């Protein structure tokens, strides 16, 4: 679909991002619909998700980070469900596409930078000067710090994209041997089962890594060095 010269097609990534948001909403709303003092398993899962991100944010940012909880929690659940959706046969893993992960990382980068300037003003530029650095070292260290800061959205997005893409590619390659080898495909089938379990673990791990790095970036913007 085109709108003038702009391609506005509803892609597979758009579809599965929508599905992820619907599933997250259903998970949260239905899980807390009958909230009780003694929770059922579904309510426990919702509360554990909430507590996990809340503790993560409190440990990395402190009490000042509580106001950013809705964003961080949404980010964690969105990436987690996107990763897990990719484990369903014939589905689509939108977190294995660099344009999706880079868009998320770039939004975080811009938001954290705006937050840093809003809180500290021009003093935020001192973030690029490590404390205790002697003046003659400024010409060397400041460019390194600036490059390191500007590379954040690249490293953040590539880490998630590369891990999800590599894992799914490996699964597909090994699964291709199962049908080809016939009876002897039992061995690659066992590998596929083991790798599937590993990929589910990686799905949680990558959501955690993306989220904790976001928390650390927020902490840097609020407290600097």
Protein backbone atom coordinates (compact mmCIF):
# COMPACT_ATOMS: atom_id res chain seq x y z
CA UNK A 1 0.00 0.00 0.00
CA UNK A 2 1.26 3.44 -0.88
CA UNK A 3 0.31 6.89 0.36
CA UNK A 4 1.75 9.22 -2.23
CA UNK A 5 5.43 8.33 -2.44
CA UNK A 6 5.40 6.66 0.98
CA UNK A 7 5.09 2.90 1.43
CA UNK A 8 2.58 2.31 4.26
CA UNK A 9 2.16 -1.43 3.77
CA UNK A 10 1.00 -3.48 6.76
CA UNK A 11 3.91 -5.89 6.97
CA UNK A 12 4.46 -9.17 8.83
CA UNK A 13 6.38 -7.22 11.46
CA UNK A 14 3.45 -4.84 11.91
CA UNK A 15 1.02 -7.75 12.22
CA UNK A 16 3.05 -9.61 14.83
CA UNK A 17 3.80 -6.47 16.81
CA UNK A 18 0.05 -5.92 16.98
CA UNK A 19 -0.46 -9.54 18.04
CA UNK A 20 2.20 -9.12 20.73
CA UNK A 21 0.46 -6.05 22.14
CA UNK A 22 -2.91 -7.83 22.15
CA UNK A 23 -1.41 -10.83 23.95
CA UNK A 24 0.35 -8.62 26.52
CA UNK A 25 -2.87 -6.72 27.20
CA UNK A 26 -4.83 -9.96 27.56
CA UNK A 27 -2.14 -11.43 29.83
CA UNK A 28 -2.20 -8.41 32.15
CA UNK A 29 -5.94 -7.68 32.16
CA UNK A 30 -7.17 -11.25 32.46
CA UNK A 31 -4.49 -12.15 34.98
CA UNK A 32 -5.55 -9.35 37.33
CA UNK A 33 -9.27 -9.50 36.60
CA UNK A 34 -9.96 -11.49 39.76
CA UNK A 35 -7.11 -10.29 41.91
CA UNK A 36 -7.04 -12.13 45.21
CA UNK A 37 -4.91 -12.19 48.35
CA UNK A 38 -4.01 -15.78 47.50
CA UNK A 39 -3.27 -15.51 43.77
CA UNK A 40 -3.78 -18.19 41.17
CA UNK A 41 -1.00 -19.15 38.77
CA UNK A 42 -1.96 -16.56 36.17
CA UNK A 43 -2.05 -13.77 38.71
CA UNK A 44 1.29 -14.99 40.09
CA UNK A 45 2.83 -14.73 36.61
CA UNK A 46 1.56 -11.16 36.21
CA UNK A 47 2.76 -10.12 39.67
CA UNK A 48 6.15 -11.77 39.16
CA UNK A 49 6.58 -9.87 35.88
CA UNK A 50 5.68 -6.62 37.63
CA UNK A 51 7.98 -7.26 40.59
CA UNK A 52 10.86 -8.38 38.38
CA UNK A 53 10.92 -5.14 36.38
CA UNK A 54 10.19 -2.99 39.45
CA UNK A 55 13.12 -4.51 41.35
CA UNK A 56 15.36 -4.20 38.30
CA UNK A 57 14.55 -0.52 37.96
CA UNK A 58 14.91 0.14 41.69
CA UNK A 59 18.28 -1.63 41.88
CA UNK A 60 19.76 0.21 38.89
CA UNK A 61 18.16 3.67 39.10
CA UNK A 62 16.85 3.95 42.65
CA UNK A 63 13.56 5.39 43.86
CA UNK A 64 13.85 8.22 41.36
CA UNK A 65 13.35 5.69 38.57
CA UNK A 66 9.83 4.73 39.67
CA UNK A 67 8.25 7.30 37.35
CA UNK A 68 9.81 5.51 34.36
CA UNK A 69 8.41 2.11 35.34
CA UNK A 70 5.47 2.12 32.84
CA UNK A 71 7.84 2.65 29.92
CA UNK A 72 10.43 0.12 31.08
CA UNK A 73 7.81 -2.51 31.91
CA UNK A 74 6.12 -2.06 28.52
CA UNK A 75 9.48 -2.35 26.79
CA UNK A 76 10.37 -5.56 28.64
CA UNK A 77 7.02 -7.24 27.95
CA UNK A 78 7.00 -6.15 24.30
CA UNK A 79 10.45 -7.60 23.61
CA UNK A 80 9.78 -10.74 25.66
CA UNK A 81 6.52 -11.54 23.88
CA UNK A 82 8.09 -10.69 20.52
CA UNK A 83 10.91 -13.13 21.20
CA UNK A 84 8.56 -15.87 22.42
CA UNK A 85 6.16 -15.41 19.51
CA UNK A 86 9.03 -16.28 17.21
CA UNK A 87 9.23 -19.71 18.81
CA UNK A 88 5.74 -20.62 17.58
CA UNK A 89 5.91 -22.60 14.29
CA UNK A 90 5.04 -20.58 11.16
CA UNK A 91 5.10 -17.32 13.12
CA UNK A 92 7.28 -14.25 12.59
CA UNK A 93 10.02 -12.93 14.88
CA UNK A 94 9.95 -9.16 14.55
CA UNK A 95 12.81 -8.79 17.04
CA UNK A 96 15.09 -10.51 14.52
CA UNK A 97 14.75 -7.51 12.18
CA UNK A 98 17.30 -4.76 12.67
CA UNK A 99 14.85 -1.99 11.69
CA UNK A 100 12.57 -2.93 14.61
CA UNK A 101 15.30 -3.27 17.22
CA UNK A 102 17.07 -0.12 16.00
CA UNK A 103 13.81 1.87 16.18
CA UNK A 104 13.38 0.78 19.81
CA UNK A 105 17.02 1.53 20.65
CA UNK A 106 16.89 4.93 18.92
CA UNK A 107 13.75 5.94 20.83
CA UNK A 108 15.51 5.01 24.09
CA UNK A 109 18.67 6.89 23.06
CA UNK A 110 16.77 10.09 22.18
CA UNK A 111 14.59 9.85 25.30
CA UNK A 112 17.55 9.34 27.62
CA UNK A 113 19.48 12.21 26.01
CA UNK A 114 16.50 14.57 26.35
CA UNK A 115 16.09 13.43 29.96
CA UNK A 116 19.75 14.17 30.68
CA UNK A 117 19.57 17.70 29.27
CA UNK A 118 16.21 18.36 30.95
CA UNK A 119 17.63 17.44 34.37
CA UNK A 120 21.17 18.81 34.12
CA UNK A 121 21.06 21.37 31.31
CA UNK A 122 24.41 22.03 29.64
CA UNK A 123 26.11 20.40 32.62
CA UNK A 124 25.13 17.10 30.98
CA UNK A 125 28.13 17.57 28.67
CA UNK A 126 30.34 16.82 31.68
CA UNK A 127 29.14 13.21 31.27
CA UNK A 128 31.76 12.91 28.53
CA UNK A 129 34.57 13.82 30.91
CA UNK A 130 35.35 11.02 33.40
CA UNK A 131 35.84 12.36 36.95
CA UNK A 132 39.44 13.00 37.91
CA UNK A 133 40.67 13.13 34.32
CA UNK A 134 43.71 15.43 33.97
CA UNK A 135 43.26 18.30 31.54
CA UNK A 136 45.88 17.09 29.00
CA UNK A 137 43.86 13.88 28.54
CA UNK A 138 40.66 15.71 27.50
CA UNK A 139 41.42 15.72 23.74
CA UNK A 140 41.85 11.94 23.83
CA UNK A 141 39.11 10.85 26.23
CA UNK A 142 36.27 13.18 25.20
CA UNK A 143 36.06 11.84 21.59
CA UNK A 144 36.18 8.27 22.92
CA UNK A 145 33.34 9.00 25.37
CA UNK A 146 31.27 10.72 22.67
CA UNK A 147 31.73 7.83 20.22
CA UNK A 148 30.87 5.35 22.98
CA UNK A 149 27.70 7.30 23.80
CA UNK A 150 26.61 7.64 20.16
CA UNK A 151 27.17 3.91 19.57
CA UNK A 152 24.63 2.94 22.23
CA UNK A 153 21.63 2.57 19.90
CA UNK A 154 23.74 0.50 17.49
CA UNK A 155 25.08 -1.90 20.12
CA UNK A 156 21.68 -2.16 21.84
CA UNK A 157 19.83 -2.98 18.63
CA UNK A 158 22.43 -5.27 17.06
CA UNK A 159 22.74 -7.37 20.24
CA UNK A 160 19.03 -8.26 20.24
CA UNK A 161 18.71 -8.60 16.47
CA UNK A 162 21.83 -10.75 16.05
CA UNK A 163 20.99 -13.15 18.86
CA UNK A 164 17.44 -13.76 17.68
CA UNK A 165 18.41 -14.05 14.01
CA UNK A 166 21.34 -16.38 14.66
CA UNK A 167 19.34 -18.69 16.91
CA UNK A 168 16.43 -19.02 14.50
CA UNK A 169 18.74 -19.52 11.54
CA UNK A 170 20.58 -22.30 13.36
CA UNK A 171 17.29 -23.97 14.25
CA UNK A 172 16.13 -23.84 10.64
CA UNK A 173 19.40 -25.25 9.28
CA UNK A 174 19.50 -28.18 11.71
CA UNK A 175 15.76 -28.86 11.28
CA UNK A 176 16.39 -29.18 7.54
CA UNK A 177 18.50 -32.26 8.19
CA UNK A 178 15.72 -34.06 10.07
CA UNK A 179 13.59 -34.83 7.00
CA UNK A 180 16.60 -35.23 4.70
CA UNK A 181 18.32 -37.92 6.78
CA UNK A 182 15.20 -40.02 7.37
CA UNK A 183 15.80 -42.52 10.19
CA UNK A 184 19.17 -40.95 10.97
CA UNK A 185 17.39 -37.63 11.47
CA UNK A 186 16.79 -38.63 15.11
CA UNK A 187 20.09 -37.05 16.11
CA UNK A 188 19.44 -33.63 14.51
CA UNK A 189 15.88 -33.82 15.90
CA UNK A 190 17.34 -34.16 19.39
CA UNK A 191 19.52 -31.12 18.68
CA UNK A 192 16.45 -29.18 17.52
CA UNK A 193 14.60 -29.99 20.74
CA UNK A 194 17.60 -28.95 22.86
CA UNK A 195 18.14 -25.76 20.83
CA UNK A 196 14.45 -24.89 21.13
CA UNK A 197 14.78 -24.97 24.91
CA UNK A 198 17.92 -22.87 24.67
CA UNK A 199 16.20 -20.36 22.39
CA UNK A 200 13.34 -19.94 24.87
CA UNK A 201 15.93 -19.20 27.56
CA UNK A 202 17.67 -16.73 25.23
CA UNK A 203 14.30 -15.06 24.53
CA UNK A 204 14.00 -14.24 28.24
CA UNK A 205 17.69 -13.36 28.56
CA UNK A 206 17.70 -10.91 25.65
CA UNK A 207 14.59 -9.15 26.94
CA UNK A 208 16.33 -8.86 30.31
CA UNK A 209 19.59 -7.53 28.80
CA UNK A 210 17.77 -4.95 26.67
CA UNK A 211 15.77 -3.80 29.69
CA UNK A 212 18.64 -3.60 32.16
CA UNK A 213 20.75 -1.60 29.70
CA UNK A 214 17.82 0.79 29.29
CA UNK A 215 17.69 1.15 33.09
CA UNK A 216 21.43 1.84 33.19
CA UNK A 217 21.09 4.50 30.49
CA UNK A 218 18.28 6.16 32.48
CA UNK A 219 20.51 6.05 35.57
CA UNK A 220 23.34 7.70 33.62
CA UNK A 221 21.00 10.47 32.48
CA UNK A 222 19.70 11.08 36.01
CA UNK A 223 22.88 10.72 38.03
CA UNK A 224 25.62 10.93 35.40
CA UNK A 225 28.94 9.60 36.78
